[in-house]
Amino acid sequence: MSKMNSFKSQKHILKAIIFLLLITSASKLFSQDLDFDEIKVVAPYMPTISEAFKILENPSIEDTLSVETEFKYSITPVKIDTQFELEPISPARMRGEPLPKLYKGLAKAGLGTHNTPYAEFFYNTLRSNEYAYGLRAKHISSSGKIEGYEFSQYSDNLINAYGKRFYNDLTLNANAEYKRDMVHYYGFQKDDFSDDNQALDFINSLQGDDIKQHFNIINANINYNTTHLDSTKLHHSAGFYYRALFDRYEATEYKYSFKGHLGNMLPEDPLGFSETQYFDLFVSADLYNYDVFDNAVTNGLLSLEPRLSSKYRDFKFYIGLDVVTQFDKNTYLKFYPQAHVEASLVEDVLIAYGSFSGGMDKHDLYSTSRINPFINTGTDLPLKFRNRTSDLIGGFKGSISSYVAYNFSVSNAEIENYAFFVNDTTTLLNNKFTLVYDDIRRLNFKGEIFTQIGERFRLRLAADYYEFSLFDEIEAWHEPTVVVSVNGRYNIQDKIILSLDAYARNTTYARGFDDSGEVERIELEGFHVDTNIRIEYRYTRMLALFLNFNNVQNQSLERWLNYPTQRFNFLGGVSYSF
């Protein structure tokens, strides 16, 4: 008993000690200062109550029995007739800028130095979807003299009428023209024949009509061509052409021509080497009948050229073969391969091209007299066929910007029977020309630059360099080896229009003979520039004044030996539209 009481007393003593220790620790704890720099609250306290699952008051029964229902039905289609009428829809129209006003007629008249009257007349129909026709007449002449030379008058006359008829897929054209050009064989000076009494007597007795030459030329043609918008349809054209030439010395020439063309798109290339393929067939026939100095000749040419064209991406090319039959004293058949290729290296900026071709044409009296009207038709003039055995061309073309384009090329041609003009030594005054022929090789470097800014400014620069390799002749007579031209037009507010045409060429040579009869070169004028300027002042839309200045440098130029041109001259006049 005493032990139990002792244990209890110890237990009470231990509790009292623990209680005192707790009180002491607490007093020390509360006696200290609490220092908190920062208290972070993550989220506000959100009291939640867990979901309670209650016993439903109404009992539920889970039905495990499923019943499948099957329906069978069919639809019988019935057509209901309906009527619907389409109303036409008016096409959308784009309103563009108003078309400029056109005038049916234009008349020009003027007068210049060297007694030079000028008149020209145009008359045309206005815009039409059915037809177009027009008329043109022109006259210019000069009765002035060139210092040191007699009877240098000339006259050019022209009257032309044309008509067109437009059908849905075809256009019919007709044209008729008459030209009468007159010149004098003035290429001699009296002082050059001081030792020739016969020539002096003839010169002293000369009248203007004694050395006059005139050419009367009639041109007429009728042709048609298709105008399909669908490239898959057959395209075709055909035309008949007629020309007659008569001169003062009873030389005559008639030319009858036919030209035709067939073209059609071919099916797609199954191998995929080309995107488009096109086939062309060109046919031409020319018959010449001429009589020069009582030497009547009939000959002609027949040409048949099939051609295949193709395009693949940036490449375009065609290949063909020109089969030419020459009808003369004998009949000859010749073949000329035709090929051309273009490759766009930089789109619209740089295009490389090359071609190989050949062909045959005729030195006829018409083309010869157009180049040199002082040709001698009072003798047996030789008129041969020109044979281009090969003509190889390569170059580059493109545009530097939307305003500037260029074209540079080099060509090498081999030509048989190339014609040169030389003085006819059988004439008393040595003042007429005849033809000599040679087989040549001609190398040509050509460059052209074009620029245009709307209708305000246009400029063209061109230069040619020729190198002739001859077989018989010692020089390319009357042929320049350097030719440069500048053509420009500047429009100032549609009120004043300035035009410039300048041509330059280097020295040319004519054929002559020394005292021993050997051929020698006669040098014509050296490198020179011939500049012509035109000024037009538009007083109103209908009335304008113009002034032409020719040969501004006031040079006596000789295109042909002993035939200098007029020096500085001007022509002024008025034009009226109605």
Foldseek 3Di string as FASTA:
>chain_A
DVVVVVVVVVVVVVVVVVVVVVVVVVVVVVVDDDDDPDDDDPDDDDDDDDDDDDDDPDDDDDDPDDDDDDDDDDDDDDDDDDDDDDDDDDDDDDDDDDDDDDFQKKWWWWAKPQGKTWIKIKGKDDDDQFKIKIKIKIKIWGNGDDPQWPLFIKIKIKIKIKMWGHDPWKIKIKIKMKIKIKGFLGQFGLVVCPVPPVVNVDVVPDDNVVGMKMKIKIKIKIKMWTHDPDQQDKTKMKMWIWMWMAMPLGKIKIKIKMKMKIKHWDDQDPVPPFGTKMKMKIWMKMWMWIAFQNDTFIWIKTWIKIKMWTHDDQKTKMKIKIWMWIGGPDIDIDIWIKMKMWGCPDPQAKIKIKIKTWDKDKQDPVVVCVVPVQADRNDDADIGMKTWRMKIKIWMWGAPDPFKIKIKMKMKTWMFFDWAWAFDPVDPRSSGTGIDGWTKIKIKIKMKMWGDDPVFKIKIKIKMAIDIDTDPDPFRALDFRIKIWMWMWGQDVVFKIKIKIKMWTAKGWHWDADPVGDIDTDIFDGIDMWMKMKMKGPPDPFKIKMKIWTQVVQDQHDSDNSDTDGGIMMMIIMMGGD
